[in-house]
Amino acid sequence: MKAKLLLILVLLFSPLLKALEVGAEQVQTYLPLIKGKRVALVVNQSARVKEQHLLDVLLEKQIDVKKVFSPEHGFRGKQDAGAKINDQLDSKTGLPIISLYGKSKKPRLDDLADVDVIIFDIQDVGVRFYTYISTMHYVLEAAAEAGKKVIVLDRPNPNINLIDGPVLEPEFQSFVGMHPIPVLHGMTVGELAKMIVGEGWLSTVTQPELVVVAVSDYDLSKPFGLPIKPSPNLPNSQSIALYPSLCFFEATPVSVGRGTDFPFQVFGHNEVKLGKFQFTPISTPGAALNPKLQDTIAYGQDLRAYKRVGFDLAWFVGAYNAFKSENKVFFKYPKFMDKLAGTDKLRKAMLSGQSLTEIKQSWQPALKHFKLRRQPYLIYER
């Protein structure tokens, strides 16, 4: 009897239970904006409308898609991190795919000459040094120069409730950090696009016309599992959660598991043993270009079952101290470290022996200022 009553209640109230819809799934909202227009897409494998790619959906609806711009990792999202990507033709549609991670990271004016509207739809992970938001910056800048409209189809940020880490200082701006935001900024790409334009962070005199199609029924208190991996070395929710904490190891001799089945879920070194867990990186798809410590046993820690959120420097500082005790160089690429951190203060604080508490306290005033500064651009209720 109770089971039947529960079923009746579910059937009665199910029409009132709305499911989250990402921007791309709200075709009826943005279709009128692009009907009869010449369209360019900035997309990768994550631009999905249910089971279809956004490109296929638009072509089915007779939208005049002229070309596709692809970010780091390429249109299909299979290229190694940092691998140069060349222009090509899409084998399925015959459309030109112009790489924004090859000769140029910004659409050229002649690339946009036959375009009226640019649609940006790429899944982000809410971390400053994840380069998709840098690509978005250059797309907004090129659109402003060419007088084109940009439509951002928003998607949830899997790290949406987290704001932490040093705020980038202008002199450390690079493609792995273009904006004065913290490592974890707690914004969607739609919100961030509004902030980039609103704060005048583009180098253009004028600002582009920007439309953001928001995620509908987005409850930020509920975790959002990505239906497709956003890049080759972030294969699951655990890697995405650990990415902001482990990425600094990229500037050191320590491996974060590129070339294994669990990238960004482990870390270790062959000479300075950072734990008992063993793994051996090999050349694999997505990490084919000489992954760090390739064919060498690394000793470190397995974090696949570690329950944590946020930005945790404890592993990084612990590894630094281990290297220091064995007189080994830890900051192998200090300039790259400072670009990832957005400042040289973090590296210098570690070299001077500051505690984790002191380091974390040092960026609190800038975080407080950032939270106030971003407030006008927020779309979703916090």
Protein backbone atom coordinates (compact mmCIF):
# COMPACT_ATOMS: atom_id res chain seq x y z
CA MET A 1 0.00 0.00 0.00
CA LYS A 2 2.82 2.40 0.92
CA ALA A 3 4.66 1.55 -2.29
CA LYS A 4 1.53 2.33 -4.35
CA LEU A 5 1.05 5.64 -2.52
CA LEU A 6 4.68 6.58 -3.14
CA LEU A 7 4.30 5.77 -6.84
CA ILE A 8 1.16 7.92 -7.07
CA LEU A 9 2.96 10.84 -5.39
CA VAL A 10 5.93 10.51 -7.74
CA LEU A 11 3.65 10.47 -10.80
CA LEU A 12 1.65 13.39 -9.43
CA PHE A 13 4.60 15.66 -8.71
CA SER A 14 7.09 14.52 -11.39
CA PRO A 15 5.97 17.24 -13.85
CA LEU A 16 7.03 19.80 -11.23
CA LEU A 17 10.52 18.30 -10.91
CA LYS A 18 12.64 20.07 -13.50
CA ALA A 19 15.86 18.54 -14.76
CA LEU A 20 19.00 20.60 -15.20
CA GLU A 21 19.52 21.71 -18.80
CA VAL A 22 22.88 23.02 -19.99
CA GLY A 23 22.85 25.97 -22.35
CA ALA A 24 23.36 23.84 -25.47
CA GLU A 25 20.23 21.81 -24.68
CA GLN A 26 18.04 24.92 -24.74
CA VAL A 27 17.92 25.03 -28.52
CA GLN A 28 14.63 26.91 -28.55
CA THR A 29 16.32 29.78 -26.65
CA TYR A 30 19.27 30.43 -28.94
CA LEU A 31 17.95 29.18 -32.30
CA PRO A 32 16.13 32.50 -32.99
CA LEU A 33 19.45 34.31 -32.40
CA ILE A 34 21.25 32.39 -35.14
CA LYS A 35 18.50 31.66 -37.67
CA GLY A 36 19.58 33.17 -41.00
CA LYS A 37 23.02 34.01 -39.58
CA ARG A 38 26.45 32.73 -40.55
CA VAL A 39 27.78 30.85 -37.53
CA ALA A 40 31.18 29.74 -36.22
CA LEU A 41 31.53 27.31 -33.33
CA VAL A 42 34.22 27.20 -30.66
CA VAL A 43 33.80 23.65 -29.41
CA ASN A 44 35.38 20.32 -28.59
CA GLN A 45 34.04 16.87 -27.73
CA SER A 46 32.17 18.25 -24.69
CA ALA A 47 29.72 20.32 -26.77
CA ARG A 48 26.90 17.82 -26.47
CA VAL A 49 23.15 18.17 -26.81
CA LYS A 50 22.07 14.94 -25.12
CA GLU A 51 23.63 12.23 -27.33
CA GLN A 52 24.47 14.52 -30.26
CA HIS A 53 27.26 16.96 -30.90
CA LEU A 54 26.14 20.58 -31.09
CA LEU A 55 27.51 20.84 -34.63
CA ASP A 56 25.31 17.99 -35.85
CA VAL A 57 22.24 19.46 -34.14
CA LEU A 58 22.72 22.85 -35.78
CA LEU A 59 23.32 21.36 -39.22
CA GLU A 60 20.15 19.28 -38.86
CA LYS A 61 18.26 22.50 -38.16
CA GLN A 62 19.65 24.07 -41.33
CA ILE A 63 21.88 26.55 -39.50
CA ASP A 64 24.60 27.96 -41.74
CA VAL A 65 27.68 26.80 -39.82
CA LYS A 66 30.73 28.11 -41.64
CA LYS A 67 33.58 26.71 -39.53
CA VAL A 68 34.73 25.29 -36.23
CA PHE A 69 37.44 26.70 -33.97
CA SER A 70 39.09 24.10 -31.72
CA PRO A 71 40.93 24.65 -28.39
CA GLU A 72 43.81 22.75 -26.74
CA HIS A 73 43.43 18.96 -27.22
CA GLY A 74 41.58 19.54 -30.51
CA PHE A 75 38.02 19.21 -31.82
CA ARG A 76 37.78 15.61 -30.66
CA GLY A 77 39.67 16.25 -27.40
CA LYS A 78 42.29 13.54 -27.93
CA GLN A 79 45.54 15.47 -28.36
CA ASP A 80 48.22 15.61 -25.67
CA ALA A 81 48.45 18.59 -23.33
CA GLY A 82 50.59 21.23 -25.01
CA ALA A 83 50.63 19.44 -28.38
CA LYS A 84 50.44 21.82 -31.34
CA ILE A 85 47.25 21.29 -33.33
CA ASN A 86 47.00 22.06 -37.03
CA ASP A 87 44.04 23.26 -39.08
CA GLN A 88 42.13 20.49 -40.83
CA LEU A 89 38.80 19.49 -42.34
CA ASP A 90 36.16 17.61 -40.35
CA SER A 91 35.87 14.18 -41.94
CA LYS A 92 32.13 13.98 -41.22
CA THR A 93 30.90 17.39 -42.37
CA GLY A 94 33.75 18.69 -44.51
CA LEU A 95 33.78 21.93 -42.51
CA PRO A 96 37.11 23.65 -41.86
CA ILE A 97 38.45 23.23 -38.32
CA ILE A 98 40.70 26.12 -37.36
CA SER A 99 43.02 25.44 -34.46
CA LEU A 100 43.29 27.97 -31.65
CA TYR A 101 46.18 25.98 -30.23
CA GLY A 102 48.55 26.01 -33.20
CA LYS A 103 49.91 28.94 -35.17
CA SER A 104 47.50 31.27 -33.43
CA LYS A 105 45.53 31.21 -30.20
CA LYS A 106 43.18 33.91 -31.40
CA PRO A 107 40.81 33.92 -34.40
CA ARG A 108 42.18 36.14 -37.17
CA LEU A 109 40.06 38.89 -38.70
CA ASP A 110 39.90 37.03 -42.02
CA ASP A 111 38.70 33.92 -40.14
CA LEU A 112 35.67 35.92 -39.04
CA ALA A 113 34.99 37.77 -42.29
CA ASP A 114 32.26 35.32 -43.34
CA VAL A 115 30.78 34.95 -39.83
CA ASP A 116 28.01 36.86 -38.01
CA VAL A 117 27.82 34.95 -34.72
CA ILE A 118 30.32 32.91 -32.70
CA ILE A 119 29.01 30.21 -30.36
CA PHE A 120 31.28 29.09 -27.50
CA ASP A 121 30.40 25.76 -25.89
CA ILE A 122 33.21 24.01 -24.01
CA GLN A 123 33.05 22.24 -20.66
CA ASP A 124 35.34 23.90 -18.12
CA VAL A 125 36.46 22.65 -14.67
CA GLY A 126 36.65 25.96 -12.79
CA VAL A 127 40.44 26.17 -12.50
CA ARG A 128 42.35 29.25 -13.69
CA PHE A 129 45.14 27.42 -15.52
CA TYR A 130 42.76 25.21 -17.52
CA THR A 131 43.27 26.83 -20.93
CA TYR A 132 39.72 26.74 -22.29
CA ILE A 133 38.92 30.02 -20.54
CA SER A 134 42.00 31.60 -22.12
CA THR A 135 40.68 30.50 -25.51
CA MET A 136 37.35 32.10 -24.61
CA HIS A 137 39.16 35.34 -23.76
CA TYR A 138 40.79 35.52 -27.19
CA VAL A 139 37.52 34.66 -28.92
CA LEU A 140 35.80 37.53 -27.09
CA GLU A 141 38.66 39.83 -28.04
CA ALA A 142 38.57 38.83 -31.71
CA ALA A 143 34.79 39.25 -31.75
CA ALA A 144 35.11 42.78 -30.37
CA GLU A 145 37.66 43.68 -33.04
CA ALA A 146 35.52 42.22 -35.84
CA GLY A 147 32.17 43.46 -34.52
CA LYS A 148 30.70 39.98 -34.08
CA LYS A 149 28.24 38.65 -31.50
CA VAL A 150 29.31 35.90 -29.08
CA ILE A 151 26.87 33.43 -27.58
CA VAL A 152 28.19 31.41 -24.64
CA LEU A 153 26.23 28.23 -23.99
CA ASP A 154 26.85 27.80 -20.30
CA ARG A 155 27.66 24.56 -18.48
CA PRO A 156 28.02 23.70 -14.77
CA ASN A 157 31.35 24.09 -13.04
CA PRO A 158 32.21 20.86 -11.16
CA ASN A 159 34.20 23.00 -8.69
CA ILE A 160 31.51 25.70 -8.47
CA ASN A 161 31.44 26.14 -4.68
CA LEU A 162 35.20 26.48 -4.29
CA ILE A 163 37.15 29.75 -4.25
CA ASP A 164 40.77 29.41 -3.19
CA GLY A 165 44.41 29.92 -4.07
CA PRO A 166 46.47 32.97 -4.97
CA VAL A 167 44.94 35.59 -7.25
CA LEU A 168 46.93 36.13 -10.44
CA GLU A 169 49.14 39.22 -10.54
CA PRO A 170 49.33 41.06 -13.92
CA GLU A 171 53.05 40.48 -14.49
CA PHE A 172 52.48 36.70 -14.46
CA GLN A 173 49.77 36.70 -17.11
CA SER A 174 50.12 33.90 -19.68
CA PHE A 175 47.96 31.44 -21.58
CA VAL A 176 47.73 29.35 -18.37
CA GLY A 177 46.43 32.37 -16.50
CA MET A 178 45.07 35.51 -18.15
CA HIS A 179 42.82 37.06 -15.51
CA PRO A 180 43.19 38.38 -11.93
CA ILE A 181 41.22 35.49 -10.48
CA PRO A 182 42.21 32.78 -7.97
CA VAL A 183 43.21 29.21 -8.85
CA LEU A 184 39.66 28.11 -8.02
CA HIS A 185 37.32 30.93 -9.03
CA GLY A 186 33.91 29.34 -8.43
CA MET A 187 32.33 30.66 -11.64
CA THR A 188 30.88 29.11 -14.78
CA VAL A 189 32.29 30.08 -18.19
CA GLY A 190 29.18 32.18 -18.76
CA GLU A 191 29.70 34.14 -15.57
CA LEU A 192 33.40 34.48 -16.30
CA ALA A 193 32.70 35.72 -19.84
CA LYS A 194 30.48 38.43 -18.37
CA MET A 195 33.25 39.38 -15.94
CA ILE A 196 35.94 39.47 -18.63
CA VAL A 197 33.81 41.87 -20.68
CA GLY A 198 32.42 43.85 -17.75
CA GLU A 199 35.78 44.43 -16.07
CA GLY A 200 37.42 45.57 -19.32
CA TRP A 201 40.01 42.79 -19.30
CA LEU A 202 40.06 42.62 -23.10
CA SER A 203 42.70 44.66 -24.91
CA THR A 204 40.08 46.16 -27.24
CA VAL A 205 38.61 49.66 -27.04
CA THR A 206 35.09 48.35 -27.57
CA GLN A 207 33.49 45.30 -25.97
CA PRO A 208 31.79 42.49 -27.90
CA GLU A 209 28.06 41.88 -27.86
CA LEU A 210 27.73 38.95 -25.46
CA VAL A 211 24.77 36.66 -24.83
CA VAL A 212 24.93 33.91 -22.18
CA VAL A 213 22.42 31.07 -22.34
CA ALA A 214 22.34 30.04 -18.69
CA VAL A 215 22.01 26.52 -17.30
CA SER A 216 18.39 26.08 -16.29
CA ASP A 217 17.43 24.70 -12.87
CA TYR A 218 21.06 24.69 -11.77
CA ASP A 219 21.24 23.84 -8.06
CA LEU A 220 24.79 24.66 -7.02
CA SER A 221 24.46 22.60 -3.85
CA LYS A 222 24.24 19.38 -5.85
CA PRO A 223 27.37 17.78 -7.34
CA PHE A 224 27.48 17.67 -11.12
CA GLY A 225 29.21 14.70 -12.74
CA LEU A 226 30.51 15.45 -16.21
CA PRO A 227 28.99 13.16 -18.85
CA ILE A 228 32.17 13.22 -20.95
CA LYS A 229 35.77 13.84 -19.93
CA PRO A 230 36.77 17.45 -20.67
CA SER A 231 40.36 16.55 -21.65
CA PRO A 232 42.45 13.37 -21.99
CA ASN A 233 44.07 13.56 -18.55
CA LEU A 234 40.98 14.46 -16.55
CA PRO A 235 39.05 11.20 -17.02
CA ASN A 236 36.73 11.32 -14.00
CA SER A 237 35.39 13.38 -11.09
CA GLN A 238 38.27 12.44 -8.81
CA SER A 239 40.89 13.75 -11.24
CA ILE A 240 38.91 16.97 -11.68
CA ALA A 241 38.70 17.44 -7.90
CA LEU A 242 42.44 16.82 -7.46
CA TYR A 243 43.58 18.77 -10.50
CA PRO A 244 43.90 22.20 -8.84
CA SER A 245 46.04 20.74 -6.03
CA LEU A 246 48.26 18.49 -8.16
CA CYS A 247 48.84 20.66 -11.23
CA PHE A 248 51.69 22.60 -9.57
CA PHE A 249 53.71 19.36 -9.72
CA GLU A 250 53.90 19.95 -13.48
CA ALA A 251 56.63 22.53 -12.77
CA THR A 252 58.68 19.95 -10.84
CA PRO A 253 60.29 16.54 -11.51
CA VAL A 254 57.30 14.84 -9.84
CA SER A 255 54.87 12.83 -12.01
CA VAL A 256 51.12 13.23 -11.57
CA GLY A 257 50.36 10.00 -13.39
CA ARG A 258 50.28 11.15 -16.99
CA GLY A 259 50.82 7.95 -18.97
CA THR A 260 48.82 5.81 -16.53
CA ASP A 261 45.14 4.90 -16.21
CA PHE A 262 44.81 7.37 -13.32
CA PRO A 263 46.29 10.78 -14.28
CA PHE A 264 45.92 13.53 -11.68
CA GLN A 265 44.99 10.95 -9.07
CA VAL A 266 48.53 9.96 -8.02
CA PHE A 267 51.91 11.59 -7.66
CA GLY A 268 55.41 10.23 -7.22
CA HIS A 269 59.09 10.28 -8.11
CA ASN A 270 61.70 7.66 -8.88
CA GLU A 271 64.58 8.96 -6.73
CA VAL A 272 62.85 10.92 -3.99
CA LYS A 273 60.33 8.43 -2.68
CA LEU A 274 57.17 10.32 -1.73
CA GLY A 275 55.20 7.29 -0.56
CA LYS A 276 54.84 3.54 -0.90
CA PHE A 277 52.52 3.41 -3.90
CA GLN A 278 54.26 2.47 -7.16
CA PHE A 279 53.32 3.33 -10.73
CA THR A 280 55.10 3.39 -14.08
CA PRO A 281 54.14 6.00 -16.71
CA ILE A 282 54.20 4.81 -20.31
CA SER A 283 53.42 6.39 -23.65
CA THR A 284 49.64 6.22 -24.03
CA PRO A 285 46.96 8.10 -26.03
CA GLY A 286 46.64 11.52 -24.45
CA ALA A 287 50.15 11.22 -22.97
CA ALA A 288 52.14 10.02 -25.95
CA LEU A 289 54.73 12.82 -25.92
CA ASN A 290 57.25 11.49 -23.42
CA PRO A 291 55.23 11.52 -20.20
CA LYS A 292 57.30 12.45 -17.18
CA LEU A 293 59.30 9.48 -15.76
CA GLN A 294 58.30 7.36 -18.76
CA ASP A 295 59.07 3.64 -18.28
CA THR A 296 60.39 4.38 -14.78
CA ILE A 297 58.96 3.22 -11.46
CA ALA A 298 57.71 6.16 -9.42
CA TYR A 299 57.08 5.97 -5.68
CA GLY A 300 54.40 8.16 -4.20
CA GLN A 301 50.77 8.33 -3.16
CA ASP A 302 47.55 6.94 -4.58
CA LEU A 303 44.73 9.47 -4.10
CA ARG A 304 42.01 7.66 -6.03
CA ALA A 305 40.04 6.96 -2.86
CA TYR A 306 40.95 10.19 -1.09
CA LYS A 307 37.90 12.15 0.03
CA ARG A 308 38.63 15.81 -0.30
CA VAL A 309 37.56 19.01 -1.98
CA GLY A 310 39.24 22.31 -2.65
CA PHE A 311 42.79 23.43 -3.02
CA ASP A 312 45.25 21.53 -0.83
CA LEU A 313 48.94 22.44 -0.86
CA ALA A 314 49.94 19.88 1.77
CA TRP A 315 51.10 17.26 -0.75
CA PHE A 316 53.04 19.85 -2.73
CA VAL A 317 54.78 21.36 0.29
CA GLY A 318 55.49 17.88 1.67
CA ALA A 319 57.14 16.86 -1.60
CA TYR A 320 59.19 20.06 -1.62
CA ASN A 321 60.48 19.30 1.89
CA ALA A 322 61.34 15.74 0.83
CA PHE A 323 63.34 17.01 -2.15
CA LYS A 324 65.03 19.62 0.04
CA SER A 325 66.12 17.01 2.59
CA GLU A 326 67.84 15.05 -0.20
CA ASN A 327 69.38 18.15 -1.81
CA LYS A 328 67.39 17.64 -5.02
CA VAL A 329 66.04 20.45 -7.20
CA PHE A 330 62.26 20.67 -6.79
CA PHE A 331 61.34 23.80 -8.76
CA LYS A 332 62.76 22.51 -12.03
CA TYR A 333 60.80 25.08 -14.04
CA PRO A 334 60.46 28.09 -11.69
CA LYS A 335 59.03 30.44 -14.34
CA PHE A 336 56.34 27.93 -15.24
CA MET A 337 55.61 27.45 -11.54
CA ASP A 338 55.06 31.19 -11.14
CA LYS A 339 52.75 31.24 -14.19
CA LEU A 340 50.64 28.41 -12.75
CA ALA A 341 50.51 30.11 -9.35
CA GLY A 342 49.94 33.53 -10.92
CA THR A 343 52.62 34.92 -8.63
CA ASP A 344 56.18 34.24 -7.50
CA LYS A 345 55.19 34.77 -3.88
CA LEU A 346 54.07 31.16 -3.38
CA ARG A 347 57.36 29.69 -4.58
CA LYS A 348 59.39 32.21 -2.58
CA ALA A 349 57.29 31.58 0.54
CA MET A 350 58.06 27.86 0.29
CA LEU A 351 61.76 28.55 -0.25
CA SER A 352 61.80 30.76 2.83
CA GLY A 353 60.21 28.02 4.95
CA GLN A 354 56.80 29.58 5.59
CA SER A 355 54.16 27.26 7.00
CA LEU A 356 51.05 26.13 5.13
CA THR A 357 48.96 28.33 7.39
CA GLU A 358 51.10 31.40 6.67
CA ILE A 359 51.03 30.75 2.93
CA LYS A 360 47.26 30.29 2.85
CA GLN A 361 46.70 33.39 4.97
CA SER A 362 48.76 35.50 2.55
CA TRP A 363 46.18 35.31 -0.23
CA GLN A 364 43.04 35.88 1.88
CA PRO A 365 42.80 39.68 1.35
CA ALA A 366 42.95 39.24 -2.45
CA LEU A 367 40.32 36.49 -2.29
CA LYS A 368 38.00 38.74 -0.31
CA HIS A 369 38.39 41.48 -2.92
CA PHE A 370 37.78 39.02 -5.77
CA LYS A 371 34.54 37.76 -4.23
CA LEU A 372 33.19 41.30 -4.10
CA ARG A 373 34.43 42.10 -7.59
CA ARG A 374 32.77 39.07 -9.22
CA GLN A 375 29.37 39.65 -7.54
CA PRO A 376 27.76 41.70 -10.37
CA TYR A 377 28.47 38.96 -12.90
CA LEU A 378 27.00 35.98 -11.09
CA ILE A 379 24.06 34.30 -12.80
CA TYR A 380 23.19 31.55 -10.33
CA GLU A 381 22.03 31.92 -6.76
CA ARG A 382 24.75 31.36 -4.17
